[in-house]
Structures are given as structure tokens and as C-alpha cells.
């Protein structure tokens, strides 16, 4: 879980989104950051599960347990349940689609 959240954190910093705080609650680690554009938010939301997928590929022949744990984390986080990375990904895609439609109407 720490590496998953580090994926979000590193991506935020790489694309210029300032991180306000990092904390720990009953659900796990969380990051409070500035709001970015829908595309930046999409990248940040996907970064955690993509970190888990990278770990799966790196440790494929090393540790079955570690691979399965990361697979579960990636899949569970991509399910579009309220508050999950998957939920944020869908929201960002909807925002990007709305912006695209509204820019077509303006022209």
C-alpha cells in the first residue's frame, strides 16, 4: 500500500501538483493535494494501480504472494466504488468528455 500511494505522490510532484499533506487513517494512507486539470487528475489516479502492475511485472518470478497481493490491490483500486481510484478515473474521463463536447459546441 505504501508503494501504491507513493505512485500517486511521485506522479503528483512530477506533473506539478503540490501535495498539501500526507496522513494515515483507518482506511490507510491518504494524500491531500491541490486540484489539477482532469488530465492531470486522471494520471494521478492511475499512478497507484500502475505502480502495483509494475511491481507485479518486477516480482513475477520472485514472490507469488507479493504478486497476488499487488494484483488484488490494483484490481480493487480500479473498481469504480465511491472514493476509489477507479471512481476518480471515471470522474476524470467524464469531465474530459464534457469539456470536449462543450468546446465543440463553442466552435
C-alpha atoms as a PDB file:
ATOM      1  CA  UNK A   1       0.000   0.000   0.000  1.00  0.00           C
ATOM      2  CA  UNK A   2       2.864   2.378   0.721  1.00  0.00           C
ATOM      3  CA  UNK A   3       4.312   1.938  -2.771  1.00  0.00           C
ATOM      4  CA  UNK A   4       0.827   2.384  -4.276  1.00  0.00           C
ATOM      5  CA  UNK A   5       0.426   5.728  -2.518  1.00  0.00           C
ATOM      6  CA  UNK A   6       3.997   6.660  -3.403  1.00  0.00           C
ATOM      7  CA  UNK A   7       2.969   6.218  -7.053  1.00  0.00           C
ATOM      8  CA  UNK A   8       0.252   8.840  -6.574  1.00  0.00           C
ATOM      9  CA  UNK A   9       2.654  11.114  -4.695  1.00  0.00           C
ATOM     10  CA  UNK A  10       5.501  10.867  -7.219  1.00  0.00           C
ATOM     11  CA  UNK A  11       3.156  11.461 -10.149  1.00  0.00           C
ATOM     12  CA  UNK A  12       1.615  14.500  -8.451  1.00  0.00           C
ATOM     13  CA  UNK A  13       5.034  16.031  -7.936  1.00  0.00           C
ATOM     14  CA  UNK A  14       6.246  15.139 -11.458  1.00  0.00           C
ATOM     15  CA  UNK A  15       3.317  16.883 -13.144  1.00  0.00           C
ATOM     16  CA  UNK A  16       3.439  19.956 -10.924  1.00  0.00           C
ATOM     17  CA  UNK A  17       0.583  19.342  -8.489  1.00  0.00           C
ATOM     18  CA  UNK A  18       1.537  20.447  -4.982  1.00  0.00           C
ATOM     19  CA  UNK A  19       0.975  17.985  -2.150  1.00  0.00           C
ATOM     20  CA  UNK A  20      -0.513  19.659   0.924  1.00  0.00           C
ATOM     21  CA  UNK A  21      -0.262  16.763   3.375  1.00  0.00           C
ATOM     22  CA  UNK A  22       0.087  13.035   3.775  1.00  0.00           C
ATOM     23  CA  UNK A  23      -1.726  11.221   6.542  1.00  0.00           C
ATOM     24  CA  UNK A  24      -2.858   7.932   7.959  1.00  0.00           C
ATOM     25  CA  UNK A  25      -6.431   6.991   8.841  1.00  0.00           C
ATOM     26  CA  UNK A  26      -8.386   3.787   9.479  1.00  0.00           C
ATOM     27  CA  UNK A  27      -8.621   3.153   5.713  1.00  0.00           C
ATOM     28  CA  UNK A  28      -4.874   3.582   5.211  1.00  0.00           C
ATOM     29  CA  UNK A  29      -2.544   6.250   3.872  1.00  0.00           C
ATOM     30  CA  UNK A  30      -4.046   9.297   2.169  1.00  0.00           C
ATOM     31  CA  UNK A  31      -2.688  12.300   0.289  1.00  0.00           C
ATOM     32  CA  UNK A  32      -4.214  15.783   0.230  1.00  0.00           C
ATOM     33  CA  UNK A  33      -3.142  17.742  -2.838  1.00  0.00           C
ATOM     34  CA  UNK A  34      -4.094  20.686  -4.972  1.00  0.00           C
ATOM     35  CA  UNK A  35      -6.676  20.100  -7.670  1.00  0.00           C
ATOM     36  CA  UNK A  36      -5.359  19.729 -11.185  1.00  0.00           C
ATOM     37  CA  UNK A  37      -6.886  19.540 -14.624  1.00  0.00           C
ATOM     38  CA  UNK A  38      -8.957  16.451 -15.441  1.00  0.00           C
ATOM     39  CA  UNK A  39      -6.000  15.010 -17.418  1.00  0.00           C
ATOM     40  CA  UNK A  40      -3.573  15.532 -14.519  1.00  0.00           C
ATOM     41  CA  UNK A  41      -6.081  14.078 -12.055  1.00  0.00           C
ATOM     42  CA  UNK A  42      -6.524  11.079 -14.364  1.00  0.00           C
ATOM     43  CA  UNK A  43      -2.777  10.466 -14.457  1.00  0.00           C
ATOM     44  CA  UNK A  44      -2.509  10.764 -10.677  1.00  0.00           C
ATOM     45  CA  UNK A  45      -5.468   8.400 -10.143  1.00  0.00           C
ATOM     46  CA  UNK A  46      -3.983   5.780 -12.469  1.00  0.00           C
ATOM     47  CA  UNK A  47      -0.490   6.065 -10.960  1.00  0.00           C
ATOM     48  CA  UNK A  48      -1.236   3.935  -7.879  1.00  0.00           C
ATOM     49  CA  UNK A  49      -2.680   0.929  -9.730  1.00  0.00           C
ATOM     50  CA  UNK A  50       0.019   1.255 -12.405  1.00  0.00           C
ATOM     51  CA  UNK A  51       2.628   1.114  -9.639  1.00  0.00           C
ATOM     52  CA  UNK A  52       1.066  -2.150  -8.482  1.00  0.00           C
ATOM     53  CA  UNK A  53       1.162  -3.503 -12.050  1.00  0.00           C
ATOM     54  CA  UNK A  54       4.846  -2.526 -12.353  1.00  0.00           C
ATOM     55  CA  UNK A  55       5.543  -4.367  -9.075  1.00  0.00           C
ATOM     56  CA  UNK A  56       3.715  -7.430 -10.419  1.00  0.00           C
ATOM     57  CA  UNK A  57       5.944  -7.443 -13.500  1.00  0.00           C
ATOM     58  CA  UNK A  58       9.125  -6.866 -11.494  1.00  0.00           C
ATOM     59  CA  UNK A  59       8.448  -9.623  -8.959  1.00  0.00           C
ATOM     60  CA  UNK A  60       6.669 -12.125 -11.250  1.00  0.00           C
ATOM     61  CA  UNK A  61       9.246 -14.890 -10.739  1.00  0.00           C
ATOM     62  CA  UNK A  62      10.299 -13.841  -7.245  1.00  0.00           C
ATOM     63  CA  UNK A  63       7.304 -13.954  -4.902  1.00  0.00           C
ATOM     64  CA  UNK A  64       3.877 -15.354  -5.752  1.00  0.00           C
ATOM     65  CA  UNK A  65       2.387 -13.881  -2.575  1.00  0.00           C
ATOM     66  CA  UNK A  66       3.703 -10.390  -3.330  1.00  0.00           C
ATOM     67  CA  UNK A  67       2.454 -10.628  -6.920  1.00  0.00           C
ATOM     68  CA  UNK A  68      -1.026 -11.752  -5.817  1.00  0.00           C
ATOM     69  CA  UNK A  69      -1.221  -9.038  -3.154  1.00  0.00           C
ATOM     70  CA  UNK A  70      -0.360  -6.351  -5.711  1.00  0.00           C
ATOM     71  CA  UNK A  71      -2.806  -7.818  -8.216  1.00  0.00           C
ATOM     72  CA  UNK A  72      -5.581  -7.618  -5.605  1.00  0.00           C
ATOM     73  CA  UNK A  73      -4.642  -4.051  -4.693  1.00  0.00           C
ATOM     74  CA  UNK A  74      -4.594  -2.960  -8.355  1.00  0.00           C
ATOM     75  CA  UNK A  75      -7.929  -4.600  -9.192  1.00  0.00           C
ATOM     76  CA  UNK A  76      -9.695  -3.415  -6.034  1.00  0.00           C
ATOM     77  CA  UNK A  77      -8.494   0.150  -6.590  1.00  0.00           C
ATOM     78  CA  UNK A  78      -9.679   0.189 -10.208  1.00  0.00           C
ATOM     79  CA  UNK A  79     -13.219  -0.898  -9.323  1.00  0.00           C
ATOM     80  CA  UNK A  80     -15.358   2.270  -9.593  1.00  0.00           C
ATOM     81  CA  UNK A  81     -16.544   2.316  -5.972  1.00  0.00           C
ATOM     82  CA  UNK A  82     -17.021   5.692  -4.276  1.00  0.00           C
ATOM     83  CA  UNK A  83     -13.663   7.084  -3.165  1.00  0.00           C
ATOM     84  CA  UNK A  84     -11.555   4.582  -5.107  1.00  0.00           C
ATOM     85  CA  UNK A  85      -9.016   5.307  -7.831  1.00  0.00           C
ATOM     86  CA  UNK A  86     -11.419   3.729 -10.323  1.00  0.00           C
ATOM     87  CA  UNK A  87     -14.146   6.157  -9.253  1.00  0.00           C
ATOM     88  CA  UNK A  88     -11.775   9.095  -9.729  1.00  0.00           C
ATOM     89  CA  UNK A  89     -10.690   7.756 -13.139  1.00  0.00           C
ATOM     90  CA  UNK A  90     -14.320   7.599 -14.307  1.00  0.00           C
ATOM     91  CA  UNK A  91     -14.987  11.093 -12.965  1.00  0.00           C
ATOM     92  CA  UNK A  92     -11.951  12.488 -14.813  1.00  0.00           C
ATOM     93  CA  UNK A  93     -12.964  10.783 -18.049  1.00  0.00           C
ATOM     94  CA  UNK A  94     -16.486  12.208 -17.715  1.00  0.00           C
ATOM     95  CA  UNK A  95     -15.054  15.691 -17.092  1.00  0.00           C
ATOM     96  CA  UNK A  96     -12.774  15.408 -20.120  1.00  0.00           C
ATOM     97  CA  UNK A  97     -15.695  14.247 -22.270  1.00  0.00           C
ATOM     98  CA  UNK A  98     -17.875  17.162 -21.073  1.00  0.00           C
ATOM     99  CA  UNK A  99     -15.063  19.637 -21.799  1.00  0.00           C
ATOM    100  CA  UNK A 100     -14.604  18.124 -25.247  1.00  0.00           C
ATOM    101  CA  UNK A 101     -18.320  18.356 -26.046  1.00  0.00           C
ATOM    102  CA  UNK A 102     -18.585  21.938 -24.769  1.00  0.00           C
ATOM    103  CA  UNK A 103     -15.530  23.015 -26.804  1.00  0.00           C
ATOM    104  CA  UNK A 104     -17.104  21.523 -29.944  1.00  0.00           C
ATOM    105  CA  UNK A 105     -20.335  23.485 -29.319  1.00  0.00           C
ATOM    106  CA  UNK A 106     -18.446  26.754 -28.886  1.00  0.00           C
ATOM    107  CA  UNK A 107     -16.725  26.480 -32.277  1.00  0.00           C
END
